[in-house]
Full PDB file with SEQRES, HELIX, SHEET, SSBOND, CRYST1, ORIGX, SCALE, CONECT and MASTER records, all heavy atoms in Angstrom:
SEQRES   1 A   31  THR VAL VAL VAL PRO LEU ALA GLU HIS PRO ASP TRP PHE          
SEQRES   2 A   31  TRP ASN ILE TRP ARG ARG ILE ARG ASP GLU LEU ALA LEU          
SEQRES   3 A   31  GLY ARG GLN ALA PHE                                          
HELIX    1 AA1 PRO A   10  TRP A   12  5                                   3    
HELIX    2 AA2 PHE A   13  ALA A   25  1                                  13    
CRYST1    1.000    1.000    1.000  90.00  90.00  90.00 P 1           1          
ORIGX1      1.000000  0.000000  0.000000        0.00000                         
ORIGX2      0.000000  1.000000  0.000000        0.00000                         
ORIGX3      0.000000  0.000000  1.000000        0.00000                         
SCALE1      1.000000  0.000000  0.000000        0.00000                         
SCALE2      0.000000  1.000000  0.000000        0.00000                         
SCALE3      0.000000  0.000000  1.000000        0.00000                         
ATOM      1  N   THR A   1      78.093 132.971 124.149  1.00  0.00           N  
ATOM      2  CA  THR A   1      77.482 131.682 124.483  1.00  0.00           C  
ATOM      3  C   THR A   1      77.843 131.314 125.915  1.00  0.00           C  
ATOM      4  O   THR A   1      79.017 131.380 126.300  1.00  0.00           O  
ATOM      5  CB  THR A   1      77.975 130.580 123.531  1.00  0.00           C  
ATOM      6  OG1 THR A   1      77.739 131.001 122.173  1.00  0.00           O  
ATOM      7  CG2 THR A   1      77.248 129.271 123.788  1.00  0.00           C  
ATOM      8  N   VAL A   2      76.845 130.934 126.699  1.00  0.00           N  
ATOM      9  CA  VAL A   2      77.054 130.609 128.106  1.00  0.00           C  
ATOM     10  C   VAL A   2      76.391 129.270 128.400  1.00  0.00           C  
ATOM     11  O   VAL A   2      75.213 129.063 128.088  1.00  0.00           O  
ATOM     12  CB  VAL A   2      76.456 131.693 129.034  1.00  0.00           C  
ATOM     13  CG1 VAL A   2      76.671 131.314 130.496  1.00  0.00           C  
ATOM     14  CG2 VAL A   2      77.074 133.056 128.734  1.00  0.00           C  
ATOM     15  N   VAL A   3      77.148 128.344 129.000  1.00  0.00           N  
ATOM     16  CA  VAL A   3      76.584 127.072 129.449  1.00  0.00           C  
ATOM     17  C   VAL A   3      75.939 127.288 130.816  1.00  0.00           C  
ATOM     18  O   VAL A   3      76.548 127.882 131.720  1.00  0.00           O  
ATOM     19  CB  VAL A   3      77.675 125.986 129.543  1.00  0.00           C  
ATOM     20  CG1 VAL A   3      77.115 124.714 130.190  1.00  0.00           C  
ATOM     21  CG2 VAL A   3      78.228 125.675 128.155  1.00  0.00           C  
ATOM     22  N   VAL A   4      74.708 126.809 130.960  1.00  0.00           N  
ATOM     23  CA  VAL A   4      74.005 126.866 132.245  1.00  0.00           C  
ATOM     24  C   VAL A   4      73.947 125.438 132.780  1.00  0.00           C  
ATOM     25  O   VAL A   4      73.072 124.658 132.399  1.00  0.00           O  
ATOM     26  CB  VAL A   4      72.587 127.449 132.079  1.00  0.00           C  
ATOM     27  CG1 VAL A   4      71.913 127.569 133.445  1.00  0.00           C  
ATOM     28  CG2 VAL A   4      72.639 128.799 131.380  1.00  0.00           C  
ATOM     29  N   PRO A   5      74.890 125.069 133.677  1.00  0.00           N  
ATOM     30  CA  PRO A   5      74.994 123.672 134.134  1.00  0.00           C  
ATOM     31  C   PRO A   5      74.091 123.405 135.337  1.00  0.00           C  
ATOM     32  O   PRO A   5      74.485 123.579 136.489  1.00  0.00           O  
ATOM     33  CB  PRO A   5      76.478 123.562 134.514  1.00  0.00           C  
ATOM     34  CG  PRO A   5      76.848 124.936 134.979  1.00  0.00           C  
ATOM     35  CD  PRO A   5      75.970 125.913 134.232  1.00  0.00           C  
ATOM     36  N   LEU A   6      72.881 122.971 135.079  1.00  0.00           N  
ATOM     37  CA  LEU A   6      71.919 122.762 136.163  1.00  0.00           C  
ATOM     38  C   LEU A   6      72.313 121.617 137.080  1.00  0.00           C  
ATOM     39  O   LEU A   6      71.866 121.570 138.233  1.00  0.00           O  
ATOM     40  CB  LEU A   6      70.524 122.517 135.575  1.00  0.00           C  
ATOM     41  CG  LEU A   6      69.911 123.690 134.791  1.00  0.00           C  
ATOM     42  CD1 LEU A   6      68.497 123.332 134.334  1.00  0.00           C  
ATOM     43  CD2 LEU A   6      69.897 124.972 135.615  1.00  0.00           C  
ATOM     44  N   ALA A   7      73.155 120.693 136.591  1.00  0.00           N  
ATOM     45  CA  ALA A   7      73.603 119.601 137.460  1.00  0.00           C  
ATOM     46  C   ALA A   7      74.394 120.156 138.643  1.00  0.00           C  
ATOM     47  O   ALA A   7      74.273 119.665 139.771  1.00  0.00           O  
ATOM     48  CB  ALA A   7      74.473 118.619 136.673  1.00  0.00           C  
ATOM     49  N   GLU A   8      75.207 121.190 138.387  1.00  0.00           N  
ATOM     50  CA  GLU A   8      75.995 121.792 139.464  1.00  0.00           C  
ATOM     51  C   GLU A   8      75.265 122.949 140.142  1.00  0.00           C  
ATOM     52  O   GLU A   8      75.463 123.215 141.317  1.00  0.00           O  
ATOM     53  CB  GLU A   8      77.327 122.314 138.915  1.00  0.00           C  
ATOM     54  CG  GLU A   8      78.247 121.231 138.399  1.00  0.00           C  
ATOM     55  CD  GLU A   8      78.462 121.328 136.898  1.00  0.00           C  
ATOM     56  OE1 GLU A   8      79.282 122.150 136.469  1.00  0.00           O  
ATOM     57  OE2 GLU A   8      77.802 120.566 136.161  1.00  0.00           O  
ATOM     58  N   HIS A   9      74.410 123.658 139.375  1.00  0.00           N  
ATOM     59  CA  HIS A   9      73.742 124.853 139.900  1.00  0.00           C  
ATOM     60  C   HIS A   9      72.256 124.840 139.551  1.00  0.00           C  
ATOM     61  O   HIS A   9      71.796 125.616 138.703  1.00  0.00           O  
ATOM     62  CB  HIS A   9      74.402 126.112 139.330  1.00  0.00           C  
ATOM     63  CG  HIS A   9      75.855 126.230 139.620  1.00  0.00           C  
ATOM     64  ND1 HIS A   9      76.344 126.620 140.849  1.00  0.00           N  
ATOM     65  CD2 HIS A   9      76.947 125.979 138.842  1.00  0.00           C  
ATOM     66  CE1 HIS A   9      77.665 126.631 140.820  1.00  0.00           C  
ATOM     67  NE2 HIS A   9      78.056 126.237 139.622  1.00  0.00           N  
ATOM     68  N   PRO A  10      71.469 123.975 140.174  1.00  0.00           N  
ATOM     69  CA  PRO A  10      70.039 123.907 139.843  1.00  0.00           C  
ATOM     70  C   PRO A  10      69.309 125.229 140.099  1.00  0.00           C  
ATOM     71  O   PRO A  10      68.291 125.515 139.459  1.00  0.00           O  
ATOM     72  CB  PRO A  10      69.512 122.792 140.751  1.00  0.00           C  
ATOM     73  CG  PRO A  10      70.543 122.638 141.822  1.00  0.00           C  
ATOM     74  CD  PRO A  10      71.851 122.998 141.214  1.00  0.00           C  
ATOM     75  N   ASP A  11      69.840 126.054 141.009  1.00  0.00           N  
ATOM     76  CA  ASP A  11      69.190 127.319 141.332  1.00  0.00           C  
ATOM     77  C   ASP A  11      69.339 128.349 140.226  1.00  0.00           C  
ATOM     78  O   ASP A  11      68.692 129.404 140.254  1.00  0.00           O  
ATOM     79  CB  ASP A  11      69.771 127.885 142.639  1.00  0.00           C  
ATOM     80  CG  ASP A  11      71.285 128.002 142.587  1.00  0.00           C  
ATOM     81  OD1 ASP A  11      71.926 127.018 142.178  1.00  0.00           O  
ATOM     82  OD2 ASP A  11      71.830 129.062 142.954  1.00  0.00           O  
ATOM     83  N   TRP A  12      70.196 128.067 139.230  1.00  0.00           N  
ATOM     84  CA  TRP A  12      70.376 129.007 138.126  1.00  0.00           C  
ATOM     85  C   TRP A  12      69.205 128.978 137.130  1.00  0.00           C  
ATOM     86  O   TRP A  12      69.154 129.807 136.219  1.00  0.00           O  
ATOM     87  CB  TRP A  12      71.671 128.703 137.370  1.00  0.00           C  
ATOM     88  CG  TRP A  12      72.906 129.113 138.119  1.00  0.00           C  
ATOM     89  CD1 TRP A  12      72.969 129.584 139.401  1.00  0.00           C  
ATOM     90  CD2 TRP A  12      74.248 129.091 137.623  1.00  0.00           C  
ATOM     91  NE1 TRP A  12      74.270 129.848 139.751  1.00  0.00           N  
ATOM     92  CE2 TRP A  12      75.079 129.559 138.681  1.00  0.00           C  
ATOM     93  CE3 TRP A  12      74.838 128.723 136.426  1.00  0.00           C  
ATOM     94  CZ2 TRP A  12      76.453 129.662 138.550  1.00  0.00           C  
ATOM     95  CZ3 TRP A  12      76.208 128.827 136.287  1.00  0.00           C  
ATOM     96  CH2 TRP A  12      77.006 129.295 137.332  1.00  0.00           C  
ATOM     97  N   PHE A  13      68.304 128.007 137.297  1.00  0.00           N  
ATOM     98  CA  PHE A  13      67.208 127.861 136.332  1.00  0.00           C  
ATOM     99  C   PHE A  13      66.433 129.165 136.170  1.00  0.00           C  
ATOM    100  O   PHE A  13      66.135 129.591 135.044  1.00  0.00           O  
ATOM    101  CB  PHE A  13      66.273 126.734 136.767  1.00  0.00           C  
ATOM    102  CG  PHE A  13      65.105 126.521 135.843  1.00  0.00           C  
ATOM    103  CD1 PHE A  13      65.252 125.810 134.660  1.00  0.00           C  
ATOM    104  CD2 PHE A  13      63.848 127.047 136.145  1.00  0.00           C  
ATOM    105  CE1 PHE A  13      64.178 125.624 133.799  1.00  0.00           C  
ATOM    106  CE2 PHE A  13      62.775 126.860 135.290  1.00  0.00           C  
ATOM    107  CZ  PHE A  13      62.943 126.148 134.112  1.00  0.00           C  
ATOM    108  N   TRP A  14      66.093 129.807 137.279  1.00  0.00           N  
ATOM    109  CA  TRP A  14      65.281 131.028 137.176  1.00  0.00           C  
ATOM    110  C   TRP A  14      66.099 132.207 136.677  1.00  0.00           C  
ATOM    111  O   TRP A  14      65.541 133.169 136.136  1.00  0.00           O  
ATOM    112  CB  TRP A  14      64.626 131.340 138.526  1.00  0.00           C  
ATOM    113  CG  TRP A  14      63.610 130.295 138.861  1.00  0.00           C  
ATOM    114  CD1 TRP A  14      63.694 129.338 139.819  1.00  0.00           C  
ATOM    115  CD2 TRP A  14      62.377 130.070 138.170  1.00  0.00           C  
ATOM    116  NE1 TRP A  14      62.582 128.528 139.791  1.00  0.00           N  
ATOM    117  CE2 TRP A  14      61.758 128.955 138.790  1.00  0.00           C  
ATOM    118  CE3 TRP A  14      61.722 130.695 137.108  1.00  0.00           C  
ATOM    119  CZ2 TRP A  14      60.533 128.459 138.374  1.00  0.00           C  
ATOM    120  CZ3 TRP A  14      60.497 130.201 136.684  1.00  0.00           C  
ATOM    121  CH2 TRP A  14      59.915 129.100 137.312  1.00  0.00           C  
ATOM    122  N   ASN A  15      67.433 132.129 136.826  1.00  0.00           N  
ATOM    123  CA  ASN A  15      68.273 133.200 136.272  1.00  0.00           C  
ATOM    124  C   ASN A  15      68.174 133.262 134.743  1.00  0.00           C  
ATOM    125  O   ASN A  15      68.357 134.317 134.137  1.00  0.00           O  
ATOM    126  CB  ASN A  15      69.738 132.995 136.682  1.00  0.00           C  
ATOM    127  CG  ASN A  15      69.947 133.215 138.169  1.00  0.00           C  
ATOM    128  OD1 ASN A  15      69.116 133.835 138.828  1.00  0.00           O  
ATOM    129  ND2 ASN A  15      71.048 132.704 138.699  1.00  0.00           N  
ATOM    130  N   ILE A  16      67.914 132.089 134.142  1.00  0.00           N  
ATOM    131  CA  ILE A  16      67.758 132.041 132.680  1.00  0.00           C  
ATOM    132  C   ILE A  16      66.665 132.997 132.248  1.00  0.00           C  
ATOM    133  O   ILE A  16      66.836 133.836 131.350  1.00  0.00           O  
ATOM    134  CB  ILE A  16      67.414 130.606 132.217  1.00  0.00           C  
ATOM    135  CG1 ILE A  16      68.517 129.624 132.601  1.00  0.00           C  
ATOM    136  CG2 ILE A  16      67.135 130.572 130.721  1.00  0.00           C  
ATOM    137  CD1 ILE A  16      68.096 128.165 132.439  1.00  0.00           C  
ATOM    138  N   TRP A  17      65.529 132.886 132.902  1.00  0.00           N  
ATOM    139  CA  TRP A  17      64.358 133.651 132.469  1.00  0.00           C  
ATOM    140  C   TRP A  17      64.448 135.111 132.906  1.00  0.00           C  
ATOM    141  O   TRP A  17      63.880 135.990 132.249  1.00  0.00           O  
ATOM    142  CB  TRP A  17      63.094 132.978 132.982  1.00  0.00           C  
ATOM    143  CG  TRP A  17      63.147 131.501 132.670  1.00  0.00           C  
ATOM    144  CD1 TRP A  17      63.217 130.470 133.546  1.00  0.00           C  
ATOM    145  CD2 TRP A  17      63.232 130.919 131.359  1.00  0.00           C  
ATOM    146  NE1 TRP A  17      63.328 129.274 132.886  1.00  0.00           N  
ATOM    147  CE2 TRP A  17      63.335 129.512 131.540  1.00  0.00           C  
ATOM    148  CE3 TRP A  17      63.230 131.437 130.066  1.00  0.00           C  
ATOM    149  CZ2 TRP A  17      63.431 128.630 130.475  1.00  0.00           C  
ATOM    150  CZ3 TRP A  17      63.327 130.551 129.005  1.00  0.00           C  
ATOM    151  CH2 TRP A  17      63.422 129.172 129.210  1.00  0.00           C  
ATOM    152  N   ARG A  18      65.201 135.385 133.982  1.00  0.00           N  
ATOM    153  CA  ARG A  18      65.458 136.778 134.336  1.00  0.00           C  
ATOM    154  C   ARG A  18      66.309 137.438 133.251  1.00  0.00           C  
ATOM    155  O   ARG A  18      66.088 138.597 132.893  1.00  0.00           O  
ATOM    156  CB  ARG A  18      66.167 136.851 135.691  1.00  0.00           C  
ATOM    157  CG  ARG A  18      65.302 136.415 136.869  1.00  0.00           C  
ATOM    158  CD  ARG A  18      65.978 136.674 138.199  1.00  0.00           C  
ATOM    159  NE  ARG A  18      65.172 136.183 139.315  1.00  0.00           N  
ATOM    160  CZ  ARG A  18      65.353 134.990 139.890  1.00  0.00           C  
ATOM    161  NH1 ARG A  18      66.335 134.197 139.462  1.00  0.00           N  
ATOM    162  NH2 ARG A  18      64.573 134.601 140.873  1.00  0.00           N  
ATOM    163  N   ARG A  19      67.291 136.663 132.728  1.00  0.00           N  
ATOM    164  CA  ARG A  19      68.159 137.217 131.678  1.00  0.00           C  
ATOM    165  C   ARG A  19      67.368 137.458 130.395  1.00  0.00           C  
ATOM    166  O   ARG A  19      67.583 138.464 129.698  1.00  0.00           O  
ATOM    167  CB  ARG A  19      69.321 136.250 131.420  1.00  0.00           C  
ATOM    168  CG  ARG A  19      70.358 136.777 130.461  1.00  0.00           C  
ATOM    169  CD  ARG A  19      71.085 137.972 131.055  1.00  0.00           C  
ATOM    170  NE  ARG A  19      72.052 138.529 130.125  1.00  0.00           N  
ATOM    171  CZ  ARG A  19      71.763 139.414 129.164  1.00  0.00           C  
ATOM    172  NH1 ARG A  19      70.508 139.843 129.012  1.00  0.00           N  
ATOM    173  NH2 ARG A  19      72.694 139.873 128.365  1.00  0.00           N  
ATOM    174  N   ILE A  20      66.449 136.547 130.066  1.00  0.00           N  
ATOM    175  CA  ILE A  20      65.597 136.731 128.884  1.00  0.00           C  
ATOM    176  C   ILE A  20      64.689 137.943 129.073  1.00  0.00           C  
ATOM    177  O   ILE A  20      64.485 138.743 128.146  1.00  0.00           O  
ATOM    178  CB  ILE A  20      64.764 135.458 128.616  1.00  0.00           C  
ATOM    179  CG1 ILE A  20      65.683 134.290 128.246  1.00  0.00           C  
ATOM    180  CG2 ILE A  20      63.740 135.699 127.521  1.00  0.00           C  
ATOM    181  CD1 ILE A  20      66.566 134.549 127.035  1.00  0.00           C  
ATOM    182  N   ARG A  21      64.161 138.110 130.291  1.00  0.00           N  
ATOM    183  CA  ARG A  21      63.307 139.285 130.570  1.00  0.00           C  
ATOM    184  C   ARG A  21      64.078 140.576 130.335  1.00  0.00           C  
ATOM    185  O   ARG A  21      63.529 141.545 129.794  1.00  0.00           O  
ATOM    186  CB  ARG A  21      62.809 139.213 132.011  1.00  0.00           C  
ATOM    187  CG  ARG A  21      61.901 140.377 132.416  1.00  0.00           C  
ATOM    188  CD  ARG A  21      61.626 140.351 133.900  1.00  0.00           C  
ATOM    189  NE  ARG A  21      62.879 140.455 134.663  1.00  0.00           N  
ATOM    190  CZ  ARG A  21      62.964 140.294 135.979  1.00  0.00           C  
ATOM    191  NH1 ARG A  21      61.882 140.006 136.682  1.00  0.00           N  
ATOM    192  NH2 ARG A  21      64.133 140.399 136.597  1.00  0.00           N  
ATOM    193  N   ASP A  22      65.369 140.584 130.723  1.00  0.00           N  
ATOM    194  CA  ASP A  22      66.187 141.784 130.517  1.00  0.00           C  
ATOM    195  C   ASP A  22      66.311 142.114 129.032  1.00  0.00           C  
ATOM    196  O   ASP A  22      66.280 143.289 128.638  1.00  0.00           O  
ATOM    197  CB  ASP A  22      67.585 141.583 131.114  1.00  0.00           C  
ATOM    198  CG  ASP A  22      67.548 141.484 132.632  1.00  0.00           C  
ATOM    199  OD1 ASP A  22      66.527 141.877 133.228  1.00  0.00           O  
ATOM    200  OD2 ASP A  22      68.545 141.004 133.215  1.00  0.00           O  
ATOM    201  N   GLU A  23      66.479 141.089 128.186  1.00  0.00           N  
ATOM    202  CA  GLU A  23      66.571 141.318 126.740  1.00  0.00           C  
ATOM    203  C   GLU A  23      65.249 141.853 126.192  1.00  0.00           C  
ATOM    204  O   GLU A  23      65.224 142.779 125.373  1.00  0.00           O  
ATOM    205  CB  GLU A  23      66.942 140.015 126.020  1.00  0.00           C  
ATOM    206  CG  GLU A  23      68.365 139.546 126.243  1.00  0.00           C  
ATOM    207  CD  GLU A  23      69.376 140.473 125.599  1.00  0.00           C  
ATOM    208  OE1 GLU A  23      69.219 140.809 124.402  1.00  0.00           O  
ATOM    209  OE2 GLU A  23      70.329 140.881 126.297  1.00  0.00           O  
ATOM    210  N   LEU A  24      64.147 141.261 126.640  1.00  0.00           N  
ATOM    211  CA  LEU A  24      62.835 141.702 126.162  1.00  0.00           C  
ATOM    212  C   LEU A  24      62.555 143.144 126.580  1.00  0.00           C  
ATOM    213  O   LEU A  24      61.928 143.906 125.842  1.00  0.00           O  
ATOM    214  CB  LEU A  24      61.743 140.777 126.700  1.00  0.00           C  
ATOM    215  CG  LEU A  24      61.844 139.284 126.336  1.00  0.00           C  
ATOM    216  CD1 LEU A  24      60.677 138.512 126.934  1.00  0.00           C  
ATOM    217  CD2 LEU A  24      61.891 139.089 124.828  1.00  0.00           C  
ATOM    218  N   ALA A  25      63.033 143.521 127.761  1.00  0.00           N  
ATOM    219  CA  ALA A  25      62.808 144.880 128.258  1.00  0.00           C  
ATOM    220  C   ALA A  25      63.495 145.921 127.377  1.00  0.00           C  
ATOM    221  O   ALA A  25      63.088 147.096 127.359  1.00  0.00           O  
ATOM    222  CB  ALA A  25      63.308 145.000 129.694  1.00  0.00           C  
ATOM    223  N   LEU A  26      64.523 145.496 126.627  1.00  0.00           N  
ATOM    224  CA  LEU A  26      65.223 146.395 125.710  1.00  0.00           C  
ATOM    225  C   LEU A  26      64.549 146.446 124.336  1.00  0.00           C  
ATOM    226  O   LEU A  26      65.083 147.038 123.391  1.00  0.00           O  
ATOM    227  CB  LEU A  26      66.677 145.939 125.549  1.00  0.00           C  
ATOM    228  CG  LEU A  26      67.549 146.035 126.818  1.00  0.00           C  
ATOM    229  CD1 LEU A  26      68.895 145.357 126.584  1.00  0.00           C  
ATOM    230  CD2 LEU A  26      67.743 147.501 127.214  1.00  0.00           C  
ATOM    231  N   GLY A  27      63.392 145.771 124.220  1.00  0.00           N  
ATOM    232  CA  GLY A  27      62.665 145.777 122.956  1.00  0.00           C  
ATOM    233  C   GLY A  27      63.110 144.695 122.000  1.00  0.00           C  
ATOM    234  O   GLY A  27      62.785 144.747 120.802  1.00  0.00           O  
ATOM    235  N   ARG A  28      63.862 143.720 122.503  1.00  0.00           N  
ATOM    236  CA  ARG A  28      64.368 142.648 121.651  1.00  0.00           C  
ATOM    237  C   ARG A  28      63.490 141.407 121.776  1.00  0.00           C  
ATOM    238  O   ARG A  28      62.530 141.377 122.537  1.00  0.00           O  
ATOM    239  CB  ARG A  28      65.829 142.340 122.025  1.00  0.00           C  
ATOM    240  CG  ARG A  28      66.727 143.564 121.858  1.00  0.00           C  
ATOM    241  CD  ARG A  28      68.102 143.358 122.472  1.00  0.00           C  
ATOM    242  NE  ARG A  28      68.905 144.579 122.407  1.00  0.00           N  
ATOM    243  CZ  ARG A  28      70.074 144.731 123.015  1.00  0.00           C  
ATOM    244  NH1 ARG A  28      70.576 143.729 123.742  1.00  0.00           N  
ATOM    245  NH2 ARG A  28      70.742 145.872 122.910  1.00  0.00           N  
ATOM    246  N   GLN A  29      63.840 140.369 121.020  1.00  0.00           N  
ATOM    247  CA  GLN A  29      63.059 139.130 121.002  1.00  0.00           C  
ATOM    248  C   GLN A  29      63.951 137.937 121.304  1.00  0.00           C  
ATOM    249  O   GLN A  29      65.188 138.031 121.251  1.00  0.00           O  
ATOM    250  CB  GLN A  29      62.394 138.953 119.630  1.00  0.00           C  
ATOM    251  CG  GLN A  29      61.351 140.005 119.299  1.00  0.00           C  
ATOM    252  CD  GLN A  29      61.056 140.042 117.817  1.00  0.00           C  
ATOM    253  OE1 GLN A  29      61.758 140.717 117.055  1.00  0.00           O  
ATOM    254  NE2 GLN A  29      60.028 139.306 117.386  1.00  0.00           N  
ATOM    255  N   ALA A  30      63.320 136.792 121.597  1.00  0.00           N  
ATOM    256  CA  ALA A  30      64.102 135.623 122.018  1.00  0.00           C  
ATOM    257  C   ALA A  30      63.501 134.332 121.487  1.00  0.00           C  
ATOM    258  O   ALA A  30      62.297 134.239 121.250  1.00  0.00           O  
ATOM    259  CB  ALA A  30      64.181 135.560 123.544  1.00  0.00           C  
ATOM    260  N   PHE A  31      64.389 133.346 121.298  1.00  0.00           N  
ATOM    261  CA  PHE A  31      63.992 131.972 120.981  1.00  0.00           C  
ATOM    262  C   PHE A  31      64.194 131.101 122.222  1.00  0.00           C  
ATOM    263  O   PHE A  31      65.169 131.277 122.956  1.00  0.00           O  
ATOM    264  CB  PHE A  31      64.877 131.375 119.884  1.00  0.00           C  
ATOM    265  CG  PHE A  31      64.756 132.016 118.532  1.00  0.00           C  
ATOM    266  CD1 PHE A  31      65.694 132.942 118.102  1.00  0.00           C  
ATOM    267  CD2 PHE A  31      63.727 131.657 117.670  1.00  0.00           C  
ATOM    268  CE1 PHE A  31      65.613 133.516 116.839  1.00  0.00           C  
ATOM    269  CE2 PHE A  31      63.638 132.221 116.406  1.00  0.00           C  
ATOM    270  CZ  PHE A  31      64.578 133.155 115.990  1.00  0.00           C  
TER     271      PHE A  31                                                      
MASTER        0    0    0    2    0    0    0    6  270    1    0    3          
END                                                                             
């Protein structure tokens, strides 16, 4: 479990979806 604190790091928003893309690329699924 990882907290993504956008108040301190607003630029991390797109990292969220890059990380989800990495999971999908392995043939997995996401909520």
